[in-house]
């Protein structure tokens, strides 16, 4: 029915529509929980020499057997070590929160004032993630919107990972998890890197710590 006809009928019978007004208190609450972005404090300063001071994080998807798994990692920029990771069946907030929890469990790390860099994705601008980073006394940094080069160290890791791991052959989520677990151990402890003086990330981390 045409809206003009509806207007004529309403005028004829004296009908009036109740207009719902916005609740100012709800508006204030909504604004307080809005997603936030942070400055690019890292600014592509990838030549770090102090382990456990600058970290970067991201998520990638892994297709297998007509399904997807989602891998979240946190990488130490100085040593190249993957200091925390988490795999999930769904792309929910728990994925990045669990990754931070795994990071927190590493008692080698003093996370106070450690910089953690990410893109401006939904997960990293979410108040739950921001609050957890704040509770750990860490400092957030974010890439410029749509610029993956700003987070090149973790993008580089994902590139090597997808070239070297045959995760697409897996039939179950458990197989994907086991394959990733094996690769993480190999990457940190067995895979030598040319730009790390031909050392593994763990060896290079210990080397950098010995210079301090």
Protein backbone atom coordinates (compact mmCIF):
# COMPACT_ATOMS: atom_id res chain seq x y z
CA UNK A 1 0.00 0.00 0.00
CA UNK A 2 1.33 3.42 -0.93
CA UNK A 3 2.55 5.50 2.01
CA UNK A 4 0.50 8.47 0.86
CA UNK A 5 -2.70 6.43 1.14
CA UNK A 6 -1.71 5.39 4.65
CA UNK A 7 -1.21 9.05 5.55
CA UNK A 8 -4.70 9.93 4.23
CA UNK A 9 -6.31 7.12 6.24
CA UNK A 10 -4.45 8.19 9.38
CA UNK A 11 -5.63 11.80 8.96
CA UNK A 12 -9.22 10.67 8.28
CA UNK A 13 -9.45 8.62 11.47
CA UNK A 14 -7.21 10.79 13.61
CA UNK A 15 -4.56 8.12 14.02
CA UNK A 16 -1.16 9.07 15.41
CA UNK A 17 2.06 7.09 15.57
CA UNK A 18 4.09 6.91 18.74
CA UNK A 19 7.70 7.84 17.97
CA UNK A 20 10.26 6.04 20.10
CA UNK A 21 12.91 8.41 21.34
CA UNK A 22 16.46 7.30 21.92
CA UNK A 23 17.26 6.50 25.53
CA UNK A 24 20.15 8.82 26.43
CA UNK A 25 21.47 6.37 29.01
CA UNK A 26 21.60 3.55 26.48
CA UNK A 27 23.39 5.86 24.06
CA UNK A 28 26.03 6.65 26.70
CA UNK A 29 26.50 2.94 27.47
CA UNK A 30 26.80 2.08 23.77
CA UNK A 31 29.41 4.78 23.23
CA UNK A 32 31.45 3.56 26.19
CA UNK A 33 31.68 0.11 24.59
CA UNK A 34 32.59 1.25 21.08
CA UNK A 35 35.58 -0.25 19.36
CA UNK A 36 38.75 1.84 19.49
CA UNK A 37 41.86 2.17 17.37
CA UNK A 38 45.37 3.11 18.49
CA UNK A 39 48.27 4.99 16.92
CA UNK A 40 50.89 3.12 14.91
CA UNK A 41 53.55 3.41 17.62
CA UNK A 42 55.67 0.66 16.04
CA UNK A 43 55.89 2.62 12.76
CA UNK A 44 57.63 -0.27 10.96
CA UNK A 45 60.57 -0.28 13.38
CA UNK A 46 61.22 -3.95 12.76
CA UNK A 47 64.95 -3.84 13.59
CA UNK A 48 64.44 -4.59 17.27
CA UNK A 49 67.36 -5.88 19.35
CA UNK A 50 65.70 -6.48 22.72
CA UNK A 51 63.64 -9.69 23.00
CA UNK A 52 60.25 -9.55 24.70
CA UNK A 53 59.82 -5.79 24.29
CA UNK A 54 57.95 -5.54 20.95
CA UNK A 55 55.44 -8.17 19.85
CA UNK A 56 53.14 -8.43 16.86
CA UNK A 57 49.96 -10.44 16.45
CA UNK A 58 47.47 -11.47 13.79
CA UNK A 59 45.02 -14.20 12.69
CA UNK A 60 45.01 -16.33 9.56
CA UNK A 61 42.52 -18.91 8.29
CA UNK A 62 43.47 -22.46 7.36
CA UNK A 63 41.17 -24.40 5.00
CA UNK A 64 41.05 -28.18 5.40
CA UNK A 65 38.56 -30.90 4.41
CA UNK A 66 35.84 -28.36 3.49
CA UNK A 67 36.26 -26.65 6.87
CA UNK A 68 38.26 -23.77 8.30
CA UNK A 69 40.53 -23.45 11.31
CA UNK A 70 41.73 -20.08 12.57
CA UNK A 71 45.26 -19.55 13.84
CA UNK A 72 46.17 -16.65 16.12
CA UNK A 73 49.86 -16.02 16.87
CA UNK A 74 51.98 -13.56 18.81
CA UNK A 75 55.52 -13.11 17.51
CA UNK A 76 58.52 -11.48 19.15
CA UNK A 77 59.90 -9.08 16.54
CA UNK A 78 63.49 -9.08 17.84
CA UNK A 79 64.09 -12.84 17.89
CA UNK A 80 61.38 -14.02 15.54
CA UNK A 81 60.12 -16.45 18.20
CA UNK A 82 56.43 -17.35 18.30
CA UNK A 83 55.77 -16.67 21.97
CA UNK A 84 52.07 -17.63 21.99
CA UNK A 85 49.51 -19.14 19.65
CA UNK A 86 45.99 -20.52 19.65
CA UNK A 87 43.91 -22.49 17.15
CA UNK A 88 40.11 -22.39 17.01
CA UNK A 89 37.24 -23.69 14.92
CA UNK A 90 35.46 -20.33 14.97
CA UNK A 91 36.56 -16.73 14.50
CA UNK A 92 35.30 -15.46 17.85
CA UNK A 93 36.78 -13.15 20.48
CA UNK A 94 37.87 -16.10 22.60
CA UNK A 95 40.54 -16.85 19.99
CA UNK A 96 42.57 -13.68 20.62
CA UNK A 97 41.80 -13.63 24.34
CA UNK A 98 43.09 -17.19 24.71
CA UNK A 99 46.22 -16.24 22.79
CA UNK A 100 46.87 -13.45 25.30
CA UNK A 101 46.19 -15.88 28.14
CA UNK A 102 48.81 -18.25 26.71
CA UNK A 103 51.22 -15.33 26.55
CA UNK A 104 50.50 -14.46 30.16
CA UNK A 105 51.29 -18.04 31.23
CA UNK A 106 54.85 -17.73 29.95
CA UNK A 107 56.62 -16.84 33.18
CA UNK A 108 59.76 -15.77 31.31
CA UNK A 109 57.96 -12.66 30.14
CA UNK A 110 57.54 -9.41 31.99
CA UNK A 111 54.72 -7.89 29.98
CA UNK A 112 54.73 -4.48 31.65
CA UNK A 113 55.05 -1.76 28.97
CA UNK A 114 55.66 -4.37 26.25
CA UNK A 115 54.37 -3.09 22.89
CA UNK A 116 51.92 -5.36 21.08
CA UNK A 117 51.17 -4.45 17.48
CA UNK A 118 48.21 -5.59 15.38
CA UNK A 119 46.01 -4.51 12.51
CA UNK A 120 42.71 -2.68 13.03
CA UNK A 121 40.64 -5.85 12.81
CA UNK A 122 37.44 -6.38 14.78
CA UNK A 123 39.15 -8.50 17.42
CA UNK A 124 41.92 -6.03 18.25
CA UNK A 125 39.65 -2.98 18.49
CA UNK A 126 37.18 -4.87 20.69
CA UNK A 127 36.83 -3.54 24.26
CA UNK A 128 37.39 -7.04 25.67
CA UNK A 129 40.79 -7.28 23.99
CA UNK A 130 41.71 -3.69 24.85
CA UNK A 131 40.85 -4.25 28.50
CA UNK A 132 42.90 -7.44 28.67
CA UNK A 133 45.93 -5.74 27.11
CA UNK A 134 45.52 -2.92 29.61
CA UNK A 135 45.22 -5.38 32.52
CA UNK A 136 48.53 -6.92 31.42
CA UNK A 137 50.07 -3.40 31.45
CA UNK A 138 50.96 -3.72 27.77
CA UNK A 139 50.87 -0.94 25.17
CA UNK A 140 48.77 -1.27 22.01
CA UNK A 141 49.92 -0.23 18.56
CA UNK A 142 48.00 -0.63 15.30
CA UNK A 143 48.77 -0.67 11.60
CA UNK A 144 47.29 2.00 9.39
CA UNK A 145 43.98 0.83 7.98
CA UNK A 146 44.35 -1.63 5.12
CA UNK A 147 48.17 -1.62 5.20
CA UNK A 148 49.51 -5.13 5.87
CA UNK A 149 53.13 -3.97 5.46
CA UNK A 150 52.83 -2.28 8.86
CA UNK A 151 52.59 -5.77 10.36
CA UNK A 152 55.13 -7.43 8.07
CA UNK A 153 56.88 -9.70 10.65
CA UNK A 154 53.78 -11.74 11.43
CA UNK A 155 52.64 -11.69 7.79
CA UNK A 156 56.06 -13.13 6.88
CA UNK A 157 55.59 -15.93 9.40
CA UNK A 158 52.19 -16.83 7.98
CA UNK A 159 53.72 -16.91 4.50
CA UNK A 160 56.43 -19.38 5.54
CA UNK A 161 53.93 -21.41 7.54
CA UNK A 162 51.55 -21.86 4.60
CA UNK A 163 54.44 -22.75 2.28
CA UNK A 164 55.88 -25.37 4.63
CA UNK A 165 52.88 -26.99 6.36
CA UNK A 166 50.55 -29.38 4.50
CA UNK A 167 47.53 -28.50 6.63
CA UNK A 168 45.15 -28.84 3.66
CA UNK A 169 45.65 -32.60 3.75
CA UNK A 170 44.23 -32.85 7.27
CA UNK A 171 40.87 -34.53 7.77
CA UNK A 172 40.09 -33.33 11.29
CA UNK A 173 40.67 -30.30 13.49
CA UNK A 174 42.80 -32.43 15.80
CA UNK A 175 45.13 -33.27 12.92
CA UNK A 176 45.50 -29.58 12.08
CA UNK A 177 46.26 -28.79 15.72
CA UNK A 178 48.89 -31.53 15.99
CA UNK A 179 50.54 -30.42 12.75
CA UNK A 180 50.71 -26.79 13.92
CA UNK A 181 52.05 -27.81 17.33
CA UNK A 182 54.86 -29.74 15.64
CA UNK A 183 55.65 -26.86 13.29
CA UNK A 184 55.77 -24.28 16.10
CA UNK A 185 58.38 -26.37 17.91
CA UNK A 186 60.35 -26.73 14.69
CA UNK A 187 60.05 -23.03 13.81
CA UNK A 188 61.26 -21.82 17.20
CA UNK A 189 63.90 -24.45 17.91
CA UNK A 190 64.96 -26.02 14.61
CA UNK A 191 64.44 -23.63 11.71
CA UNK A 192 67.54 -21.52 11.15
CA UNK A 193 67.03 -18.08 9.60
CA UNK A 194 69.50 -16.30 7.35
CA UNK A 195 68.70 -12.84 8.74
CA UNK A 196 69.12 -14.11 12.31
CA UNK A 197 72.82 -14.98 11.79
CA UNK A 198 71.76 -18.48 10.68
CA UNK A 199 70.34 -19.17 14.15
CA UNK A 200 66.95 -20.45 15.17
CA UNK A 201 64.65 -17.92 16.87
CA UNK A 202 65.41 -19.44 20.29
CA UNK A 203 69.16 -19.35 19.66
CA UNK A 204 68.96 -15.78 18.40
CA UNK A 205 66.87 -14.77 21.41
CA UNK A 206 69.52 -16.15 23.77
CA UNK A 207 72.22 -14.44 21.72
CA UNK A 208 70.48 -11.05 21.99
CA UNK A 209 69.88 -11.52 25.72
CA UNK A 210 73.59 -12.25 26.22
CA UNK A 211 74.46 -8.87 24.68
CA UNK A 212 72.35 -6.91 27.15
